[in-house]
Amino acid sequence: MKMKWIFLMVLLGSVFVPTAYAIGFAVGPPSVNLTVPTNGENTVAVYLTSFDYTGEVMVGTEDIPFKVSPEVIQINDTDKNRRIELIFYGNKSVKEGTYSGKLTFLGSTDENVAAGVKIKANIAHISRAGVLGLIIGAIRANYTVILVVFLVLVSLVLGIGIGRTKE
């Protein structure tokens, strides 16, 4: 009989004890893909949701050689799916290619890291953006062939024109 009362007391006591939950924030989507021109910038949107966290979130990169801004975001405990525009800046000293790494979001209060989130990032670094950039790149890569073909065409047109005037 005494065991029943002890069990009942423990059971009732555990029901009325407040539940602990994580304080922090979440960032989505879990990964981003982006193209950044060498002499330019591009923007990607991420969403922050706070779980009873108010403070600064420091944005950084891991294994990605590009600057990102803003570097610090102020969030409140009421933020739910808050849209944040991150701007990536091209880097002339980095060769073209695709770079894979992580975006880091570190929440701090009183100079201590309270929470951290990392999301995957794939960044394509190109010399020019858009179709015009591809055309200019192709012309630069093949300018000798293009020049020779142009000169041959001019010679043919002039030859045909001279030949017709003699008839």
N, C-alpha and C. Protein backbone atom coordinates (compact mmCIF):
# COMPACT_ATOMS: atom_id res chain seq x y z
N MET A 1 0.81 -1.18 0.00
CA MET A 1 0.00 0.00 0.00
C MET A 1 0.87 1.26 0.00
N LYS A 2 1.96 1.23 0.76
CA LYS A 2 2.85 2.37 0.83
C LYS A 2 3.51 2.63 -0.53
N MET A 3 3.79 1.56 -1.29
CA MET A 3 4.41 1.70 -2.61
C MET A 3 3.45 2.41 -3.58
N LYS A 4 2.15 2.14 -3.45
CA LYS A 4 1.18 2.80 -4.32
C LYS A 4 1.18 4.30 -4.09
N TRP A 5 1.25 4.71 -2.83
CA TRP A 5 1.27 6.14 -2.51
C TRP A 5 2.54 6.79 -3.03
N ILE A 6 3.67 6.12 -2.89
CA ILE A 6 4.95 6.67 -3.37
C ILE A 6 4.89 6.82 -4.89
N PHE A 7 4.41 5.78 -5.57
CA PHE A 7 4.28 5.83 -7.02
C PHE A 7 3.34 6.96 -7.44
N LEU A 8 2.23 7.11 -6.76
CA LEU A 8 1.26 8.15 -7.07
C LEU A 8 1.86 9.54 -6.85
N MET A 9 2.63 9.72 -5.80
CA MET A 9 3.28 11.01 -5.52
C MET A 9 4.30 11.35 -6.59
N VAL A 10 5.09 10.35 -6.99
CA VAL A 10 6.10 10.58 -8.04
C VAL A 10 5.40 10.91 -9.36
N LEU A 11 4.35 10.18 -9.68
CA LEU A 11 3.60 10.43 -10.90
C LEU A 11 2.99 11.82 -10.92
N LEU A 12 2.33 12.23 -9.86
CA LEU A 12 1.74 13.56 -9.79
C LEU A 12 2.81 14.65 -9.79
N GLY A 13 3.90 14.41 -9.12
CA GLY A 13 4.98 15.39 -9.09
C GLY A 13 5.60 15.61 -10.46
N SER A 14 5.72 14.53 -11.24
CA SER A 14 6.31 14.68 -12.58
C SER A 14 5.37 15.37 -13.54
N VAL A 15 4.07 15.27 -13.30
CA VAL A 15 3.11 15.93 -14.17
C VAL A 15 3.17 17.44 -14.00
N PHE A 16 3.39 17.92 -12.80
CA PHE A 16 3.37 19.35 -12.53
C PHE A 16 4.73 20.03 -12.61
N VAL A 17 5.79 19.28 -12.92
CA VAL A 17 7.11 19.88 -13.10
C VAL A 17 7.15 20.53 -14.48
N PRO A 18 7.61 21.77 -14.57
CA PRO A 18 7.65 22.44 -15.88
C PRO A 18 8.58 21.69 -16.84
N THR A 19 8.17 21.64 -18.10
CA THR A 19 8.95 20.96 -19.13
C THR A 19 10.05 21.89 -19.62
N ALA A 20 11.25 21.36 -19.76
CA ALA A 20 12.37 22.14 -20.29
C ALA A 20 12.35 22.04 -21.81
N TYR A 21 12.65 23.13 -22.49
CA TYR A 21 12.73 23.10 -23.94
C TYR A 21 13.92 23.95 -24.38
N ALA A 22 14.32 23.72 -25.62
CA ALA A 22 15.52 24.38 -26.13
C ALA A 22 15.22 25.84 -26.44
N ILE A 23 16.15 26.69 -26.07
CA ILE A 23 16.08 28.10 -26.42
C ILE A 23 17.08 28.30 -27.54
N GLY A 24 16.67 28.91 -28.62
CA GLY A 24 17.56 29.12 -29.74
C GLY A 24 16.81 29.62 -30.95
N PHE A 25 17.27 29.21 -32.12
CA PHE A 25 16.66 29.64 -33.36
C PHE A 25 16.91 28.58 -34.42
N ALA A 26 16.12 28.65 -35.47
CA ALA A 26 16.27 27.74 -36.61
C ALA A 26 16.47 28.56 -37.87
N VAL A 27 17.19 27.99 -38.83
CA VAL A 27 17.45 28.65 -40.10
C VAL A 27 17.05 27.70 -41.22
N GLY A 28 16.39 28.21 -42.21
CA GLY A 28 16.02 27.39 -43.37
C GLY A 28 16.21 28.19 -44.63
N PRO A 29 16.31 27.57 -45.73
CA PRO A 29 16.29 26.15 -46.01
C PRO A 29 17.59 25.47 -45.57
N PRO A 30 17.65 24.13 -45.61
CA PRO A 30 18.85 23.44 -45.14
C PRO A 30 20.06 23.61 -46.05
N SER A 31 19.85 24.09 -47.28
CA SER A 31 20.98 24.35 -48.18
C SER A 31 20.60 25.45 -49.16
N VAL A 32 21.62 26.12 -49.69
CA VAL A 32 21.41 27.17 -50.69
C VAL A 32 22.36 26.93 -51.86
N ASN A 33 21.90 27.27 -53.06
CA ASN A 33 22.70 27.22 -54.28
C ASN A 33 22.66 28.59 -54.91
N LEU A 34 23.82 29.06 -55.36
CA LEU A 34 23.91 30.44 -55.79
C LEU A 34 25.02 30.60 -56.82
N THR A 35 24.83 31.53 -57.76
CA THR A 35 25.87 31.89 -58.72
C THR A 35 26.30 33.32 -58.44
N VAL A 36 27.60 33.52 -58.29
CA VAL A 36 28.13 34.84 -57.97
C VAL A 36 29.14 35.24 -59.04
N PRO A 37 28.91 36.37 -59.75
CA PRO A 37 29.90 36.84 -60.72
C PRO A 37 31.14 37.40 -60.03
N THR A 38 32.28 37.27 -60.70
CA THR A 38 33.55 37.72 -60.12
C THR A 38 33.50 39.19 -59.71
N ASN A 39 32.98 40.03 -60.58
CA ASN A 39 32.95 41.47 -60.31
C ASN A 39 31.59 41.93 -59.80
N GLY A 40 30.83 41.05 -59.19
CA GLY A 40 29.49 41.45 -58.78
C GLY A 40 29.06 40.81 -57.48
N GLU A 41 27.76 40.67 -57.37
CA GLU A 41 27.17 40.13 -56.15
C GLU A 41 25.88 39.42 -56.51
N ASN A 42 25.40 38.61 -55.58
CA ASN A 42 24.11 37.97 -55.75
C ASN A 42 23.50 37.75 -54.38
N THR A 43 22.18 37.64 -54.36
CA THR A 43 21.43 37.57 -53.11
C THR A 43 20.71 36.24 -52.99
N VAL A 44 20.66 35.74 -51.77
CA VAL A 44 19.89 34.54 -51.47
C VAL A 44 19.09 34.80 -50.19
N ALA A 45 17.90 34.24 -50.12
CA ALA A 45 17.04 34.45 -48.95
C ALA A 45 17.10 33.24 -48.03
N VAL A 46 17.21 33.50 -46.73
CA VAL A 46 17.08 32.47 -45.70
C VAL A 46 16.00 32.94 -44.73
N TYR A 47 15.49 32.01 -43.96
CA TYR A 47 14.41 32.33 -43.02
C TYR A 47 14.83 31.94 -41.61
N LEU A 48 14.66 32.87 -40.66
CA LEU A 48 14.99 32.63 -39.26
C LEU A 48 13.72 32.55 -38.43
N THR A 49 13.69 31.57 -37.55
CA THR A 49 12.61 31.44 -36.58
C THR A 49 13.23 31.37 -35.21
N SER A 50 12.76 32.20 -34.30
CA SER A 50 13.29 32.24 -32.94
C SER A 50 12.44 31.37 -32.02
N PHE A 51 13.13 30.66 -31.13
CA PHE A 51 12.47 29.88 -30.08
C PHE A 51 12.86 30.50 -28.75
N ASP A 52 12.15 31.56 -28.36
CA ASP A 52 12.41 32.29 -27.12
C ASP A 52 13.85 32.80 -27.04
N TYR A 53 14.39 33.22 -28.17
CA TYR A 53 15.75 33.77 -28.20
C TYR A 53 15.69 35.19 -28.73
N THR A 54 16.30 36.09 -27.98
CA THR A 54 16.47 37.47 -28.41
C THR A 54 17.94 37.80 -28.31
N GLY A 55 18.50 38.27 -29.41
CA GLY A 55 19.92 38.60 -29.39
C GLY A 55 20.46 38.73 -30.80
N GLU A 56 21.79 38.71 -30.89
CA GLU A 56 22.46 38.84 -32.17
C GLU A 56 22.76 37.47 -32.75
N VAL A 57 22.65 37.39 -34.06
CA VAL A 57 23.06 36.20 -34.79
C VAL A 57 24.17 36.65 -35.74
N MET A 58 25.36 36.07 -35.56
CA MET A 58 26.50 36.40 -36.41
C MET A 58 26.53 35.44 -37.59
N VAL A 59 26.59 36.00 -38.80
CA VAL A 59 26.59 35.21 -40.03
C VAL A 59 28.02 35.10 -40.52
N GLY A 60 28.43 33.89 -40.85
CA GLY A 60 29.78 33.66 -41.36
C GLY A 60 29.79 32.54 -42.39
N THR A 61 30.97 32.24 -42.90
CA THR A 61 31.12 31.17 -43.88
C THR A 61 32.18 30.19 -43.41
N GLU A 62 32.06 28.98 -43.92
CA GLU A 62 33.01 27.92 -43.62
C GLU A 62 33.39 27.27 -44.95
N ASP A 63 34.66 27.33 -45.33
CA ASP A 63 35.18 26.76 -46.58
C ASP A 63 34.62 27.44 -47.83
N ILE A 64 34.17 28.67 -47.70
CA ILE A 64 33.69 29.44 -48.85
C ILE A 64 34.47 30.76 -48.86
N PRO A 65 35.19 31.05 -49.96
CA PRO A 65 36.04 32.25 -49.99
C PRO A 65 35.34 33.53 -50.40
N PHE A 66 34.12 33.73 -49.96
CA PHE A 66 33.37 34.92 -50.34
C PHE A 66 32.88 35.65 -49.10
N LYS A 67 32.80 36.98 -49.25
CA LYS A 67 32.26 37.80 -48.17
C LYS A 67 30.74 37.77 -48.25
N VAL A 68 30.10 37.74 -47.09
CA VAL A 68 28.65 37.73 -47.03
C VAL A 68 28.19 38.84 -46.08
N SER A 69 27.08 39.48 -46.42
CA SER A 69 26.52 40.49 -45.52
C SER A 69 25.01 40.33 -45.49
N PRO A 70 24.37 40.70 -44.43
CA PRO A 70 24.92 41.32 -43.22
C PRO A 70 25.68 40.28 -42.39
N GLU A 71 26.63 40.79 -41.62
CA GLU A 71 27.42 39.91 -40.76
C GLU A 71 26.74 39.69 -39.42
N VAL A 72 25.86 40.60 -39.02
CA VAL A 72 25.14 40.47 -37.75
C VAL A 72 23.66 40.76 -37.99
N ILE A 73 22.82 39.89 -37.44
CA ILE A 73 21.36 40.06 -37.54
C ILE A 73 20.81 40.09 -36.12
N GLN A 74 19.97 41.05 -35.85
CA GLN A 74 19.30 41.15 -34.55
C GLN A 74 17.96 40.44 -34.65
N ILE A 75 17.70 39.44 -33.80
CA ILE A 75 16.41 38.77 -33.83
C ILE A 75 15.74 38.86 -32.46
N ASN A 76 14.41 38.74 -32.48
CA ASN A 76 13.60 38.79 -31.26
C ASN A 76 12.90 37.46 -31.07
N ASP A 77 12.42 37.23 -29.87
CA ASP A 77 11.76 35.96 -29.56
C ASP A 77 10.43 35.80 -30.30
N THR A 78 9.97 36.85 -30.95
CA THR A 78 8.70 36.77 -31.69
C THR A 78 8.90 36.51 -33.18
N ASP A 79 10.15 36.46 -33.65
CA ASP A 79 10.41 36.26 -35.08
C ASP A 79 10.06 34.83 -35.50
N LYS A 80 9.19 34.74 -36.48
CA LYS A 80 8.79 33.45 -37.05
C LYS A 80 8.93 33.53 -38.57
N ASN A 81 9.75 32.70 -39.13
CA ASN A 81 9.99 32.68 -40.58
C ASN A 81 10.35 34.07 -41.12
N ARG A 82 11.22 34.75 -40.42
CA ARG A 82 11.66 36.08 -40.84
C ARG A 82 12.60 35.95 -42.02
N ARG A 83 12.27 36.63 -43.10
CA ARG A 83 13.08 36.57 -44.33
C ARG A 83 14.31 37.46 -44.17
N ILE A 84 15.47 36.88 -44.42
CA ILE A 84 16.74 37.60 -44.37
C ILE A 84 17.41 37.46 -45.73
N GLU A 85 17.76 38.59 -46.34
CA GLU A 85 18.47 38.60 -47.62
C GLU A 85 19.98 38.63 -47.34
N LEU A 86 20.68 37.58 -47.75
CA LEU A 86 22.13 37.54 -47.61
C LEU A 86 22.75 37.88 -48.96
N ILE A 87 23.72 38.78 -48.95
CA ILE A 87 24.39 39.20 -50.18
C ILE A 87 25.79 38.58 -50.19
N PHE A 88 26.09 37.85 -51.27
CA PHE A 88 27.42 37.29 -51.48
C PHE A 88 28.15 38.16 -52.49
N TYR A 89 29.41 38.48 -52.21
CA TYR A 89 30.21 39.34 -53.07
C TYR A 89 31.27 38.51 -53.79
N GLY A 90 31.40 38.74 -55.12
CA GLY A 90 32.43 38.06 -55.91
C GLY A 90 33.82 38.42 -55.42
N ASN A 91 34.76 37.55 -55.71
CA ASN A 91 36.14 37.73 -55.26
C ASN A 91 37.06 37.52 -56.46
N LYS A 92 37.71 38.61 -56.93
CA LYS A 92 38.58 38.54 -58.11
C LYS A 92 39.78 37.62 -57.90
N SER A 93 40.21 37.45 -56.65
CA SER A 93 41.40 36.64 -56.38
C SER A 93 41.10 35.14 -56.34
N VAL A 94 39.84 34.77 -56.50
CA VAL A 94 39.44 33.36 -56.46
C VAL A 94 39.11 32.92 -57.88
N LYS A 95 39.63 31.76 -58.28
CA LYS A 95 39.37 31.30 -59.65
C LYS A 95 37.93 30.82 -59.79
N GLU A 96 37.48 30.77 -61.05
CA GLU A 96 36.13 30.31 -61.34
C GLU A 96 35.96 28.86 -60.91
N GLY A 97 34.75 28.52 -60.53
CA GLY A 97 34.46 27.15 -60.13
C GLY A 97 33.32 27.13 -59.13
N THR A 98 33.02 25.92 -58.66
CA THR A 98 31.97 25.75 -57.67
C THR A 98 32.60 25.47 -56.32
N TYR A 99 32.18 26.20 -55.33
CA TYR A 99 32.71 26.07 -53.97
C TYR A 99 31.60 25.57 -53.05
N SER A 100 31.90 24.53 -52.31
CA SER A 100 30.94 23.96 -51.37
C SER A 100 31.43 24.17 -49.95
N GLY A 101 30.54 24.58 -49.10
CA GLY A 101 30.89 24.82 -47.71
C GLY A 101 29.64 25.00 -46.90
N LYS A 102 29.75 25.84 -45.88
CA LYS A 102 28.60 26.06 -45.00
C LYS A 102 28.45 27.54 -44.66
N LEU A 103 27.21 27.93 -44.46
CA LEU A 103 26.91 29.23 -43.86
C LEU A 103 26.70 28.96 -42.38
N THR A 104 27.32 29.77 -41.54
CA THR A 104 27.18 29.59 -40.10
C THR A 104 26.39 30.73 -39.50
N PHE A 105 25.53 30.38 -38.57
CA PHE A 105 24.71 31.35 -37.85
C PHE A 105 24.93 31.09 -36.37
N LEU A 106 25.61 32.02 -35.69
CA LEU A 106 25.92 31.85 -34.28
C LEU A 106 25.16 32.89 -33.46
N GLY A 107 24.33 32.42 -32.57
CA GLY A 107 23.58 33.31 -31.70
C GLY A 107 24.36 33.55 -30.42
N SER A 108 24.50 34.82 -30.06
CA SER A 108 25.28 35.13 -28.87
C SER A 108 24.53 36.09 -27.96
N THR A 109 24.75 35.90 -26.67
CA THR A 109 24.25 36.82 -25.66
C THR A 109 25.38 37.05 -24.68
N ASP A 110 25.64 38.28 -24.36
CA ASP A 110 26.71 38.64 -23.43
C ASP A 110 28.05 38.02 -23.83
N GLU A 111 28.37 38.07 -25.13
CA GLU A 111 29.62 37.59 -25.68
C GLU A 111 29.82 36.08 -25.54
N ASN A 112 28.77 35.33 -25.28
CA ASN A 112 28.83 33.87 -25.23
C ASN A 112 27.95 33.32 -26.33
N VAL A 113 28.42 32.27 -26.99
CA VAL A 113 27.60 31.64 -28.03
C VAL A 113 26.52 30.82 -27.35
N ALA A 114 25.27 31.14 -27.66
CA ALA A 114 24.12 30.46 -27.05
C ALA A 114 23.59 29.35 -27.95
N ALA A 115 23.69 29.53 -29.26
CA ALA A 115 23.18 28.55 -30.20
C ALA A 115 23.89 28.73 -31.54
N GLY A 116 23.94 27.68 -32.32
CA GLY A 116 24.56 27.74 -33.63
C GLY A 116 23.86 26.84 -34.62
N VAL A 117 23.79 27.31 -35.87
CA VAL A 117 23.17 26.55 -36.95
C VAL A 117 24.08 26.66 -38.16
N LYS A 118 24.25 25.54 -38.88
CA LYS A 118 24.99 25.55 -40.13
C LYS A 118 24.09 25.01 -41.23
N ILE A 119 24.16 25.66 -42.40
CA ILE A 119 23.45 25.14 -43.56
C ILE A 119 24.45 25.01 -44.71
N LYS A 120 24.22 24.04 -45.59
CA LYS A 120 25.10 23.81 -46.72
C LYS A 120 24.95 24.93 -47.74
N ALA A 121 26.07 25.24 -48.40
CA ALA A 121 26.06 26.27 -49.44
C ALA A 121 26.92 25.82 -50.60
N ASN A 122 26.38 25.92 -51.80
CA ASN A 122 27.11 25.66 -53.04
C ASN A 122 27.10 26.94 -53.85
N ILE A 123 28.30 27.48 -54.08
CA ILE A 123 28.43 28.76 -54.77
C ILE A 123 29.21 28.55 -56.06
N ALA A 124 28.58 28.90 -57.19
CA ALA A 124 29.26 28.87 -58.49
C ALA A 124 29.84 30.26 -58.72
N HIS A 125 31.14 30.32 -58.92
CA HIS A 125 31.84 31.60 -59.12
C HIS A 125 32.17 31.71 -60.60
N ILE A 126 31.59 32.69 -61.29
CA ILE A 126 31.78 32.84 -62.73
C ILE A 126 32.33 34.23 -63.05
N SER A 127 32.97 34.34 -64.24
CA SER A 127 33.57 35.62 -64.59
C SER A 127 32.52 36.63 -65.07
N ARG A 128 31.49 36.18 -65.74
CA ARG A 128 30.42 37.07 -66.20
C ARG A 128 29.08 36.39 -65.94
N ALA A 129 28.06 37.19 -65.79
CA ALA A 129 26.74 36.63 -65.53
C ALA A 129 25.89 36.68 -66.78
N GLY A 130 25.03 35.72 -66.96
CA GLY A 130 24.03 35.73 -68.02
C GLY A 130 24.54 35.25 -69.36
N VAL A 131 23.65 35.30 -70.34
CA VAL A 131 23.94 34.83 -71.69
C VAL A 131 25.01 35.69 -72.35
N LEU A 132 24.93 36.98 -72.16
CA LEU A 132 25.92 37.89 -72.74
C LEU A 132 27.32 37.53 -72.23
N GLY A 133 27.43 37.21 -70.98
CA GLY A 133 28.71 36.81 -70.42
C GLY A 133 29.25 35.54 -71.05
N LEU A 134 28.35 34.58 -71.31
CA LEU A 134 28.77 33.35 -71.97
C LEU A 134 29.24 33.61 -73.40
N ILE A 135 28.54 34.51 -74.11
CA ILE A 135 28.93 34.84 -75.48
C ILE A 135 30.29 35.53 -75.49
N ILE A 136 30.48 36.49 -74.60
CA ILE A 136 31.76 37.20 -74.53
C ILE A 136 32.88 36.23 -74.17
N GLY A 137 32.62 35.33 -73.26
CA GLY A 137 33.62 34.33 -72.89
C GLY A 137 33.98 33.43 -74.05
N ALA A 138 32.99 33.01 -74.84
CA ALA A 138 33.24 32.15 -76.00
C ALA A 138 34.04 32.91 -77.06
N ILE A 139 33.71 34.17 -77.27
CA ILE A 139 34.45 34.98 -78.25
C ILE A 139 35.90 35.14 -77.81
N ARG A 140 36.12 35.43 -76.56
CA ARG A 140 37.50 35.58 -76.06
C ARG A 140 38.29 34.28 -76.18
N ALA A 141 37.63 33.16 -75.94
CA ALA A 141 38.33 31.88 -76.01
C ALA A 141 38.66 31.49 -77.45
N ASN A 142 37.88 31.97 -78.42
CA ASN A 142 38.05 31.54 -79.82
C ASN A 142 38.29 32.71 -80.77
N TYR A 143 38.85 33.81 -80.28
CA TYR A 143 38.96 35.00 -81.12
C TYR A 143 39.85 34.78 -82.34
N THR A 144 40.87 33.93 -82.27
CA THR A 144 41.76 33.68 -83.41
C THR A 144 40.98 32.99 -84.54
N VAL A 145 40.21 31.98 -84.20
CA VAL A 145 39.42 31.26 -85.20
C VAL A 145 38.38 32.20 -85.80
N ILE A 146 37.75 32.98 -84.98
CA ILE A 146 36.72 33.92 -85.45
C ILE A 146 37.34 34.94 -86.40
N LEU A 147 38.52 35.45 -86.09
CA LEU A 147 39.21 36.43 -86.93
C LEU A 147 39.58 35.81 -88.28
N VAL A 148 40.08 34.59 -88.29
CA VAL A 148 40.45 33.92 -89.54
C VAL A 148 39.21 33.69 -90.40
N VAL A 149 38.13 33.21 -89.81
CA VAL A 149 36.89 32.98 -90.56
C VAL A 149 36.37 34.30 -91.12
N PHE A 150 36.43 35.35 -90.35
CA PHE A 150 35.99 36.67 -90.81
C PHE A 150 36.82 37.14 -92.00
N LEU A 151 38.14 37.00 -91.93
CA LEU A 151 39.01 37.43 -93.04
C LEU A 151 38.76 36.60 -94.30
N VAL A 152 38.52 35.30 -94.14
CA VAL A 152 38.22 34.46 -95.30
C VAL A 152 36.91 34.91 -95.94
N LEU A 153 35.88 35.18 -95.12
CA LEU A 153 34.60 35.63 -95.67
C LEU A 153 34.74 36.96 -96.40
N VAL A 154 35.50 37.89 -95.83
CA VAL A 154 35.73 39.19 -96.47
C VAL A 154 36.44 38.99 -97.80
N SER A 155 37.44 38.11 -97.82
CA SER A 155 38.17 37.83 -99.07
C SER A 155 37.26 37.24 -100.12
N LEU A 156 36.39 36.31 -99.72
CA LEU A 156 35.45 35.71 -100.67
C LEU A 156 34.49 36.76 -101.24
N VAL A 157 33.94 37.60 -100.38
CA VAL A 157 33.01 38.63 -100.84
C VAL A 157 33.71 39.60 -101.77
N LEU A 158 34.93 40.03 -101.42
CA LEU A 158 35.68 40.94 -102.30
C LEU A 158 36.04 40.26 -103.61
N GLY A 159 36.41 39.00 -103.56
CA GLY A 159 36.75 38.26 -104.78
C GLY A 159 35.56 38.11 -105.70
N ILE A 160 34.39 37.81 -105.11
CA ILE A 160 33.18 37.69 -105.92
C ILE A 160 32.82 39.05 -106.51
N GLY A 161 32.95 40.08 -105.72
CA GLY A 161 32.63 41.44 -106.20
C GLY A 161 33.56 41.87 -107.31
N ILE A 162 34.84 41.61 -107.19
CA ILE A 162 35.82 41.99 -108.23
C ILE A 162 35.56 41.16 -109.49
N GLY A 163 35.26 39.88 -109.31
CA GLY A 163 35.01 39.00 -110.45
C GLY A 163 33.78 39.42 -111.23
N ARG A 164 32.77 39.89 -110.56
CA ARG A 164 31.54 40.31 -111.25
C ARG A 164 31.75 41.62 -112.02
N THR A 165 32.60 42.48 -111.50
CA THR A 165 32.82 43.77 -112.19
C THR A 165 33.62 43.57 -113.46
N LYS A 166 34.41 42.51 -113.59
CA LYS A 166 35.20 42.27 -114.78
C LYS A 166 34.38 41.64 -115.89
N GLU A 167 33.25 41.05 -115.58
CA GLU A 167 32.44 40.41 -116.61
C GLU A 167 31.65 41.37 -117.36
